């Protein structure tokens, strides 16, 4: 009886936070215990980094500013691409939970309705941190060198965390809309593939067709890539820093409430 009274006195926000922390732990344990996810977090970014730097390095390095190697130019693009594709795991996880009926079991418990989404989205930060760390270590091993100081690396981490958070909420919307995991995979591919490859992640915008160039320089992936690249290379960041933040915050302002509304509707049926 006393325990029930203490429970009832706790504010609603505290109970919601506790539920979200439990779901974050659940999603993070899934990453650790799932060998496929761990292998993807380790090997996929490494393969992209090594292949792109060796296959395209000789041709594209001629178009880069003097003193900038293609590997140093490429690193920011590969990091952002890995984070973008890695965040789509949220969509797969949300769709899996809906398809397998675990959400129905959660609904029978006195827990926050949005804790499941919070858990999947936040655990993506953990997964993408692993991928980015492995990629940076691999880059250092094959010749990557950065001119960023510790403060610049804090800025880089902040931009990447914000970008991951925003893209994960967008991915959560896809997971709520899709009817199957297969649909999630092609929908996320259709969303992210054009944004990453029609950007300055892998090549400078100057060599693109003028229509493609106009799209590339005015979309979120490019702004994030250019902001991270400038910090890594120690070059002026220009407008890319605040534009990257504006894009990410804008995506969050739209995606977070929309995902919340869709999740409530989906789980109230």
C-alpha atoms as a PDB file:
ATOM      1  CA  UNK A   1       0.000   0.000   0.000  1.00  0.00           C
ATOM      2  CA  UNK A   2       2.808   2.398   0.911  1.00  0.00           C
ATOM      3  CA  UNK A   3       4.610   1.560  -2.316  1.00  0.00           C
ATOM      4  CA  UNK A   4       1.458   2.383  -4.290  1.00  0.00           C
ATOM      5  CA  UNK A   5       1.143   5.752  -2.571  1.00  0.00           C
ATOM      6  CA  UNK A   6       4.754   6.633  -3.384  1.00  0.00           C
ATOM      7  CA  UNK A   7       4.185   5.605  -7.001  1.00  0.00           C
ATOM      8  CA  UNK A   8       1.098   7.792  -7.289  1.00  0.00           C
ATOM      9  CA  UNK A   9       2.918  10.844  -5.925  1.00  0.00           C
ATOM     10  CA  UNK A  10       5.552  10.755  -8.632  1.00  0.00           C
ATOM     11  CA  UNK A  11       4.971  13.379 -11.339  1.00  0.00           C
ATOM     12  CA  UNK A  12       3.907  12.259 -14.801  1.00  0.00           C
ATOM     13  CA  UNK A  13       7.070  13.549 -16.464  1.00  0.00           C
ATOM     14  CA  UNK A  14       9.185  11.408 -14.105  1.00  0.00           C
ATOM     15  CA  UNK A  15       7.242   8.269 -14.977  1.00  0.00           C
ATOM     16  CA  UNK A  16       7.546   9.050 -18.705  1.00  0.00           C
ATOM     17  CA  UNK A  17      11.295   9.579 -18.342  1.00  0.00           C
ATOM     18  CA  UNK A  18      11.690   6.307 -16.453  1.00  0.00           C
ATOM     19  CA  UNK A  19       9.704   4.436 -19.132  1.00  0.00           C
ATOM     20  CA  UNK A  20      11.840   5.983 -21.873  1.00  0.00           C
ATOM     21  CA  UNK A  21      15.053   4.996 -20.074  1.00  0.00           C
ATOM     22  CA  UNK A  22      13.830   1.409 -19.838  1.00  0.00           C
ATOM     23  CA  UNK A  23      13.037   1.371 -23.565  1.00  0.00           C
ATOM     24  CA  UNK A  24      16.441   2.890 -24.363  1.00  0.00           C
ATOM     25  CA  UNK A  25      18.054   0.066 -22.386  1.00  0.00           C
ATOM     26  CA  UNK A  26      15.920  -2.485 -24.250  1.00  0.00           C
ATOM     27  CA  UNK A  27      16.840  -1.116 -27.695  1.00  0.00           C
ATOM     28  CA  UNK A  28      20.530  -0.796 -26.803  1.00  0.00           C
ATOM     29  CA  UNK A  29      20.661  -4.395 -25.552  1.00  0.00           C
ATOM     30  CA  UNK A  30      19.162  -5.480 -28.874  1.00  0.00           C
ATOM     31  CA  UNK A  31      22.106  -3.840 -30.643  1.00  0.00           C
ATOM     32  CA  UNK A  32      24.680  -5.468 -28.372  1.00  0.00           C
ATOM     33  CA  UNK A  33      23.124  -8.926 -28.569  1.00  0.00           C
ATOM     34  CA  UNK A  34      22.330  -8.782 -32.286  1.00  0.00           C
ATOM     35  CA  UNK A  35      25.450  -9.899 -34.132  1.00  0.00           C
ATOM     36  CA  UNK A  36      24.120  -8.724 -37.499  1.00  0.00           C
ATOM     37  CA  UNK A  37      23.656  -5.152 -36.257  1.00  0.00           C
ATOM     38  CA  UNK A  38      27.122  -5.089 -34.709  1.00  0.00           C
ATOM     39  CA  UNK A  39      28.747  -6.409 -37.874  1.00  0.00           C
ATOM     40  CA  UNK A  40      26.877  -3.802 -39.916  1.00  0.00           C
ATOM     41  CA  UNK A  41      27.985  -1.047 -37.546  1.00  0.00           C
ATOM     42  CA  UNK A  42      31.625  -2.149 -37.913  1.00  0.00           C
ATOM     43  CA  UNK A  43      32.102  -3.309 -41.486  1.00  0.00           C
ATOM     44  CA  UNK A  44      29.730  -1.325 -43.696  1.00  0.00           C
ATOM     45  CA  UNK A  45      31.289   2.111 -43.035  1.00  0.00           C
ATOM     46  CA  UNK A  46      34.783   0.651 -43.318  1.00  0.00           C
ATOM     47  CA  UNK A  47      33.962  -0.887 -46.711  1.00  0.00           C
ATOM     48  CA  UNK A  48      32.555   2.396 -48.023  1.00  0.00           C
ATOM     49  CA  UNK A  49      35.544   4.353 -46.774  1.00  0.00           C
ATOM     50  CA  UNK A  50      38.190   2.039 -48.207  1.00  0.00           C
ATOM     51  CA  UNK A  51      36.424   1.452 -51.543  1.00  0.00           C
ATOM     52  CA  UNK A  52      35.558   5.088 -52.233  1.00  0.00           C
ATOM     53  CA  UNK A  53      38.997   6.376 -51.265  1.00  0.00           C
ATOM     54  CA  UNK A  54      40.815   3.833 -53.434  1.00  0.00           C
ATOM     55  CA  UNK A  55      38.469   3.699 -56.434  1.00  0.00           C
ATOM     56  CA  UNK A  56      37.648   7.403 -56.820  1.00  0.00           C
ATOM     57  CA  UNK A  57      40.595   9.028 -55.100  1.00  0.00           C
ATOM     58  CA  UNK A  58      42.828   9.333 -58.150  1.00  0.00           C
ATOM     59  CA  UNK A  59      40.188  10.906 -60.393  1.00  0.00           C
ATOM     60  CA  UNK A  60      38.498  13.270 -57.935  1.00  0.00           C
ATOM     61  CA  UNK A  61      41.621  14.513 -56.146  1.00  0.00           C
ATOM     62  CA  UNK A  62      42.414  16.663 -59.199  1.00  0.00           C
ATOM     63  CA  UNK A  63      39.271  18.726 -58.575  1.00  0.00           C
ATOM     64  CA  UNK A  64      40.044  19.374 -54.905  1.00  0.00           C
ATOM     65  CA  UNK A  65      41.741  22.460 -53.449  1.00  0.00           C
ATOM     66  CA  UNK A  66      45.521  22.326 -53.219  1.00  0.00           C
ATOM     67  CA  UNK A  67      46.784  20.439 -50.213  1.00  0.00           C
ATOM     68  CA  UNK A  68      43.524  18.507 -49.602  1.00  0.00           C
ATOM     69  CA  UNK A  69      43.682  14.763 -50.155  1.00  0.00           C
ATOM     70  CA  UNK A  70      40.603  12.888 -51.284  1.00  0.00           C
ATOM     71  CA  UNK A  71      40.615  10.779 -48.115  1.00  0.00           C
ATOM     72  CA  UNK A  72      40.454  13.889 -45.946  1.00  0.00           C
ATOM     73  CA  UNK A  73      37.750  15.334 -48.207  1.00  0.00           C
ATOM     74  CA  UNK A  74      35.796  12.081 -48.192  1.00  0.00           C
ATOM     75  CA  UNK A  75      35.769  11.442 -44.450  1.00  0.00           C
ATOM     76  CA  UNK A  76      32.999  13.937 -43.635  1.00  0.00           C
ATOM     77  CA  UNK A  77      30.802  12.586 -46.434  1.00  0.00           C
ATOM     78  CA  UNK A  78      31.236   8.957 -45.382  1.00  0.00           C
ATOM     79  CA  UNK A  79      30.494   9.820 -41.752  1.00  0.00           C
ATOM     80  CA  UNK A  80      27.262  11.640 -42.631  1.00  0.00           C
ATOM     81  CA  UNK A  81      26.228   8.919 -45.090  1.00  0.00           C
ATOM     82  CA  UNK A  82      26.801   6.244 -42.441  1.00  0.00           C
ATOM     83  CA  UNK A  83      24.815   8.197 -39.866  1.00  0.00           C
ATOM     84  CA  UNK A  84      21.949   8.748 -42.340  1.00  0.00           C
ATOM     85  CA  UNK A  85      21.692   5.091 -43.331  1.00  0.00           C
ATOM     86  CA  UNK A  86      22.318   3.941 -39.755  1.00  0.00           C
ATOM     87  CA  UNK A  87      19.429   6.009 -38.423  1.00  0.00           C
ATOM     88  CA  UNK A  88      17.007   4.064 -40.624  1.00  0.00           C
ATOM     89  CA  UNK A  89      17.373   1.152 -38.213  1.00  0.00           C
ATOM     90  CA  UNK A  90      14.778   3.038 -36.169  1.00  0.00           C
ATOM     91  CA  UNK A  91      12.253   2.497 -38.962  1.00  0.00           C
ATOM     92  CA  UNK A  92      12.954  -1.239 -39.057  1.00  0.00           C
ATOM     93  CA  UNK A  93      12.741  -1.548 -35.259  1.00  0.00           C
ATOM     94  CA  UNK A  94       9.459   0.377 -35.031  1.00  0.00           C
ATOM     95  CA  UNK A  95       7.929  -1.671 -37.842  1.00  0.00           C
ATOM     96  CA  UNK A  96       9.114  -4.910 -36.212  1.00  0.00           C
ATOM     97  CA  UNK A  97       7.533  -3.971 -32.893  1.00  0.00           C
ATOM     98  CA  UNK A  98       4.230  -3.191 -34.587  1.00  0.00           C
ATOM     99  CA  UNK A  99       4.269  -6.373 -36.686  1.00  0.00           C
ATOM    100  CA  UNK A 100       5.250  -8.746 -33.874  1.00  0.00           C
ATOM    101  CA  UNK A 101       2.644  -7.515 -31.408  1.00  0.00           C
ATOM    102  CA  UNK A 102       4.976  -6.318 -28.656  1.00  0.00           C
ATOM    103  CA  UNK A 103       3.247  -2.912 -28.744  1.00  0.00           C
ATOM    104  CA  UNK A 104      -0.030  -4.577 -27.732  1.00  0.00           C
ATOM    105  CA  UNK A 105       1.699  -6.004 -24.665  1.00  0.00           C
ATOM    106  CA  UNK A 106       3.156  -2.594 -23.786  1.00  0.00           C
ATOM    107  CA  UNK A 107      -0.314  -1.028 -24.057  1.00  0.00           C
ATOM    108  CA  UNK A 108      -1.514  -3.283 -21.244  1.00  0.00           C
ATOM    109  CA  UNK A 109       1.119  -1.773 -18.937  1.00  0.00           C
ATOM    110  CA  UNK A 110       0.979   1.600 -17.127  1.00  0.00           C
ATOM    111  CA  UNK A 111       3.731   3.093 -19.280  1.00  0.00           C
ATOM    112  CA  UNK A 112       4.225   6.142 -21.475  1.00  0.00           C
ATOM    113  CA  UNK A 113       2.864   5.587 -24.968  1.00  0.00           C
ATOM    114  CA  UNK A 114       5.865   7.222 -26.649  1.00  0.00           C
ATOM    115  CA  UNK A 115       8.580   5.484 -24.621  1.00  0.00           C
ATOM    116  CA  UNK A 116       9.045   2.868 -27.362  1.00  0.00           C
ATOM    117  CA  UNK A 117       9.821   5.519 -29.976  1.00  0.00           C
ATOM    118  CA  UNK A 118      12.131   7.358 -27.581  1.00  0.00           C
ATOM    119  CA  UNK A 119      14.023   4.128 -26.949  1.00  0.00           C
ATOM    120  CA  UNK A 120      14.577   3.296 -30.611  1.00  0.00           C
ATOM    121  CA  UNK A 121      15.558   6.833 -31.587  1.00  0.00           C
ATOM    122  CA  UNK A 122      17.992   7.330 -28.708  1.00  0.00           C
ATOM    123  CA  UNK A 123      19.654   3.940 -29.170  1.00  0.00           C
ATOM    124  CA  UNK A 124      20.478   5.025 -32.734  1.00  0.00           C
ATOM    125  CA  UNK A 125      22.871   7.555 -31.218  1.00  0.00           C
ATOM    126  CA  UNK A 126      24.731   4.682 -29.581  1.00  0.00           C
ATOM    127  CA  UNK A 127      24.855   2.627 -32.786  1.00  0.00           C
ATOM    128  CA  UNK A 128      26.035   5.518 -34.924  1.00  0.00           C
ATOM    129  CA  UNK A 129      28.660   6.477 -32.357  1.00  0.00           C
ATOM    130  CA  UNK A 130      30.127   2.983 -32.714  1.00  0.00           C
ATOM    131  CA  UNK A 131      30.107   3.211 -36.524  1.00  0.00           C
ATOM    132  CA  UNK A 132      31.682   6.665 -36.573  1.00  0.00           C
ATOM    133  CA  UNK A 133      34.401   5.701 -34.081  1.00  0.00           C
ATOM    134  CA  UNK A 134      35.334   2.594 -36.067  1.00  0.00           C
ATOM    135  CA  UNK A 135      35.429   4.606 -39.284  1.00  0.00           C
ATOM    136  CA  UNK A 136      37.654   7.307 -37.822  1.00  0.00           C
ATOM    137  CA  UNK A 137      40.101   4.706 -36.513  1.00  0.00           C
ATOM    138  CA  UNK A 138      40.148   3.018 -39.928  1.00  0.00           C
ATOM    139  CA  UNK A 139      40.690   6.372 -41.621  1.00  0.00           C
ATOM    140  CA  UNK A 140      43.643   7.139 -39.357  1.00  0.00           C
ATOM    141  CA  UNK A 141      45.112   3.737 -40.206  1.00  0.00           C
ATOM    142  CA  UNK A 142      44.969   4.381 -43.978  1.00  0.00           C
ATOM    143  CA  UNK A 143      46.169   7.985 -43.924  1.00  0.00           C
ATOM    144  CA  UNK A 144      43.381  10.301 -42.759  1.00  0.00           C
ATOM    145  CA  UNK A 145      44.650  13.339 -40.870  1.00  0.00           C
ATOM    146  CA  UNK A 146      42.517  16.077 -39.348  1.00  0.00           C
ATOM    147  CA  UNK A 147      43.318  19.701 -38.525  1.00  0.00           C
ATOM    148  CA  UNK A 148      40.459  19.947 -36.017  1.00  0.00           C
ATOM    149  CA  UNK A 149      41.191  20.887 -32.426  1.00  0.00           C
ATOM    150  CA  UNK A 150      39.280  19.419 -29.428  1.00  0.00           C
ATOM    151  CA  UNK A 151      36.682  22.199 -29.563  1.00  0.00           C
ATOM    152  CA  UNK A 152      36.072  21.508 -33.257  1.00  0.00           C
ATOM    153  CA  UNK A 153      35.528  17.827 -32.471  1.00  0.00           C
ATOM    154  CA  UNK A 154      32.916  18.808 -29.888  1.00  0.00           C
ATOM    155  CA  UNK A 155      31.156  20.868 -32.557  1.00  0.00           C
ATOM    156  CA  UNK A 156      31.352  17.915 -34.967  1.00  0.00           C
ATOM    157  CA  UNK A 157      29.883  15.560 -32.358  1.00  0.00           C
ATOM    158  CA  UNK A 158      27.074  18.030 -31.616  1.00  0.00           C
ATOM    159  CA  UNK A 159      26.140  18.427 -35.286  1.00  0.00           C
ATOM    160  CA  UNK A 160      26.212  14.660 -35.872  1.00  0.00           C
ATOM    161  CA  UNK A 161      24.122  13.930 -32.761  1.00  0.00           C
ATOM    162  CA  UNK A 162      21.529  16.497 -33.810  1.00  0.00           C
ATOM    163  CA  UNK A 163      21.503  15.149 -37.369  1.00  0.00           C
ATOM    164  CA  UNK A 164      21.132  11.547 -36.154  1.00  0.00           C
ATOM    165  CA  UNK A 165      18.308  12.524 -33.825  1.00  0.00           C
ATOM    166  CA  UNK A 166      16.436  14.359 -36.592  1.00  0.00           C
ATOM    167  CA  UNK A 167      16.875  11.610 -39.196  1.00  0.00           C
ATOM    168  CA  UNK A 168      15.879   8.909 -36.707  1.00  0.00           C
ATOM    169  CA  UNK A 169      12.553  10.631 -36.078  1.00  0.00           C
ATOM    170  CA  UNK A 170      12.006  10.871 -39.836  1.00  0.00           C
ATOM    171  CA  UNK A 171      12.800   7.167 -40.083  1.00  0.00           C
ATOM    172  CA  UNK A 172      10.321   6.442 -37.276  1.00  0.00           C
ATOM    173  CA  UNK A 173       7.574   7.968 -39.439  1.00  0.00           C
ATOM    174  CA  UNK A 174       8.459   5.575 -42.260  1.00  0.00           C
ATOM    175  CA  UNK A 175       8.392   2.655 -39.806  1.00  0.00           C
ATOM    176  CA  UNK A 176       4.872   3.675 -38.756  1.00  0.00           C
ATOM    177  CA  UNK A 177       3.609   4.025 -42.323  1.00  0.00           C
ATOM    178  CA  UNK A 178       5.159   0.863 -43.797  1.00  0.00           C
ATOM    179  CA  UNK A 179       3.214  -2.381 -43.853  1.00  0.00           C
ATOM    180  CA  UNK A 180       6.281  -4.634 -43.653  1.00  0.00           C
ATOM    181  CA  UNK A 181      10.014  -4.612 -42.979  1.00  0.00           C
ATOM    182  CA  UNK A 182      10.633  -5.053 -46.710  1.00  0.00           C
ATOM    183  CA  UNK A 183       8.645  -1.902 -47.413  1.00  0.00           C
ATOM    184  CA  UNK A 184      10.668  -0.062 -44.760  1.00  0.00           C
ATOM    185  CA  UNK A 185      13.916  -1.007 -46.464  1.00  0.00           C
ATOM    186  CA  UNK A 186      13.002   0.309 -49.909  1.00  0.00           C
ATOM    187  CA  UNK A 187      11.235   3.407 -48.546  1.00  0.00           C
ATOM    188  CA  UNK A 188      14.255   4.438 -46.480  1.00  0.00           C
ATOM    189  CA  UNK A 189      16.509   3.712 -49.450  1.00  0.00           C
ATOM    190  CA  UNK A 190      14.377   5.957 -51.696  1.00  0.00           C
ATOM    191  CA  UNK A 191      14.541   8.733 -49.093  1.00  0.00           C
ATOM    192  CA  UNK A 192      18.247   8.631 -48.230  1.00  0.00           C
ATOM    193  CA  UNK A 193      20.021   7.419 -51.379  1.00  0.00           C
ATOM    194  CA  UNK A 194      19.235  10.524 -53.523  1.00  0.00           C
ATOM    195  CA  UNK A 195      20.035  12.887 -50.654  1.00  0.00           C
ATOM    196  CA  UNK A 196      23.444  11.364 -49.941  1.00  0.00           C
ATOM    197  CA  UNK A 197      24.647  10.798 -53.493  1.00  0.00           C
ATOM    198  CA  UNK A 198      23.168  14.031 -54.891  1.00  0.00           C
ATOM    199  CA  UNK A 199      25.205  16.034 -52.404  1.00  0.00           C
ATOM    200  CA  UNK A 200      28.795  17.086 -51.850  1.00  0.00           C
ATOM    201  CA  UNK A 201      29.475  14.020 -49.707  1.00  0.00           C
ATOM    202  CA  UNK A 202      31.702  12.378 -52.336  1.00  0.00           C
ATOM    203  CA  UNK A 203      32.454  14.996 -54.991  1.00  0.00           C
ATOM    204  CA  UNK A 204      32.616  18.825 -55.119  1.00  0.00           C
ATOM    205  CA  UNK A 205      29.475  20.534 -56.385  1.00  0.00           C
ATOM    206  CA  UNK A 206      31.396  22.474 -59.046  1.00  0.00           C
ATOM    207  CA  UNK A 207      31.601  19.489 -61.389  1.00  0.00           C
ATOM    208  CA  UNK A 208      27.865  18.704 -61.316  1.00  0.00           C
ATOM    209  CA  UNK A 209      25.185  19.500 -63.878  1.00  0.00           C
ATOM    210  CA  UNK A 210      23.697  22.907 -62.993  1.00  0.00           C
ATOM    211  CA  UNK A 211      20.274  21.469 -62.097  1.00  0.00           C
ATOM    212  CA  UNK A 212      21.807  18.795 -59.889  1.00  0.00           C
ATOM    213  CA  UNK A 213      24.190  21.355 -58.398  1.00  0.00           C
ATOM    214  CA  UNK A 214      21.320  23.655 -57.415  1.00  0.00           C
ATOM    215  CA  UNK A 215      19.638  20.736 -55.640  1.00  0.00           C
ATOM    216  CA  UNK A 216      22.848  19.496 -54.036  1.00  0.00           C
ATOM    217  CA  UNK A 217      23.871  22.796 -52.465  1.00  0.00           C
ATOM    218  CA  UNK A 218      20.392  23.482 -51.064  1.00  0.00           C
ATOM    219  CA  UNK A 219      19.595  20.275 -49.219  1.00  0.00           C
ATOM    220  CA  UNK A 220      20.307  19.179 -45.623  1.00  0.00           C
ATOM    221  CA  UNK A 221      22.912  16.456 -46.268  1.00  0.00           C
ATOM    222  CA  UNK A 222      25.208  18.912 -48.050  1.00  0.00           C
ATOM    223  CA  UNK A 223      24.959  21.488 -45.272  1.00  0.00           C
ATOM    224  CA  UNK A 224      25.827  18.913 -42.615  1.00  0.00           C
ATOM    225  CA  UNK A 225      28.639  17.442 -44.714  1.00  0.00           C
ATOM    226  CA  UNK A 226      30.166  20.843 -45.474  1.00  0.00           C
ATOM    227  CA  UNK A 227      29.960  21.921 -41.828  1.00  0.00           C
ATOM    228  CA  UNK A 228      31.667  18.726 -40.626  1.00  0.00           C
ATOM    229  CA  UNK A 229      34.204  18.857 -43.473  1.00  0.00           C
ATOM    230  CA  UNK A 230      35.185  22.455 -42.708  1.00  0.00           C
ATOM    231  CA  UNK A 231      35.725  21.597 -39.032  1.00  0.00           C
ATOM    232  CA  UNK A 232      37.765  18.486 -39.912  1.00  0.00           C
ATOM    233  CA  UNK A 233      39.963  20.343 -42.411  1.00  0.00           C
ATOM    234  CA  UNK A 234      40.304  23.444 -40.250  1.00  0.00           C
ATOM    235  CA  UNK A 235      38.848  25.649 -42.991  1.00  0.00           C
ATOM    236  CA  UNK A 236      36.242  28.442 -42.630  1.00  0.00           C
ATOM    237  CA  UNK A 237      32.809  26.981 -41.934  1.00  0.00           C
ATOM    238  CA  UNK A 238      30.892  29.882 -43.498  1.00  0.00           C
ATOM    239  CA  UNK A 239      27.110  29.564 -43.417  1.00  0.00           C
ATOM    240  CA  UNK A 240      27.149  25.770 -43.356  1.00  0.00           C
ATOM    241  CA  UNK A 241      27.223  25.527 -39.560  1.00  0.00           C
ATOM    242  CA  UNK A 242      24.035  27.430 -38.811  1.00  0.00           C
ATOM    243  CA  UNK A 243      22.308  26.103 -41.931  1.00  0.00           C
ATOM    244  CA  UNK A 244      23.013  22.524 -40.815  1.00  0.00           C
ATOM    245  CA  UNK A 245      21.530  23.281 -37.391  1.00  0.00           C
ATOM    246  CA  UNK A 246      18.478  24.996 -38.933  1.00  0.00           C
ATOM    247  CA  UNK A 247      17.828  22.020 -41.224  1.00  0.00           C
ATOM    248  CA  UNK A 248      18.120  19.530 -38.356  1.00  0.00           C
ATOM    249  CA  UNK A 249      15.932  21.544 -36.000  1.00  0.00           C
ATOM    250  CA  UNK A 250      13.385  22.042 -38.796  1.00  0.00           C
ATOM    251  CA  UNK A 251      13.233  18.283 -39.419  1.00  0.00           C
ATOM    252  CA  UNK A 252      12.789  17.681 -35.685  1.00  0.00           C
ATOM    253  CA  UNK A 253      10.007  20.265 -35.395  1.00  0.00           C
ATOM    254  CA  UNK A 254       8.087  18.466 -38.154  1.00  0.00           C
ATOM    255  CA  UNK A 255       9.024  14.822 -37.539  1.00  0.00           C
ATOM    256  CA  UNK A 256       8.809  14.541 -33.742  1.00  0.00           C
ATOM    257  CA  UNK A 257       5.174  15.614 -33.275  1.00  0.00           C
ATOM    258  CA  UNK A 258       4.093  13.881 -36.499  1.00  0.00           C
ATOM    259  CA  UNK A 259       5.661  10.589 -35.400  1.00  0.00           C
ATOM    260  CA  UNK A 260       4.042  10.967 -31.976  1.00  0.00           C
ATOM    261  CA  UNK A 261       0.580  11.526 -33.474  1.00  0.00           C
ATOM    262  CA  UNK A 262       0.951   8.618 -35.914  1.00  0.00           C
ATOM    263  CA  UNK A 263       2.167   6.299 -33.159  1.00  0.00           C
ATOM    264  CA  UNK A 264      -0.795   7.152 -30.915  1.00  0.00           C
ATOM    265  CA  UNK A 265      -3.224   6.555 -33.779  1.00  0.00           C
ATOM    266  CA  UNK A 266      -1.513   3.328 -34.781  1.00  0.00           C
ATOM    267  CA  UNK A 267      -1.532   1.904 -31.257  1.00  0.00           C
ATOM    268  CA  UNK A 268      -5.059   3.017 -30.406  1.00  0.00           C
ATOM    269  CA  UNK A 269      -6.648   0.921 -33.152  1.00  0.00           C
END
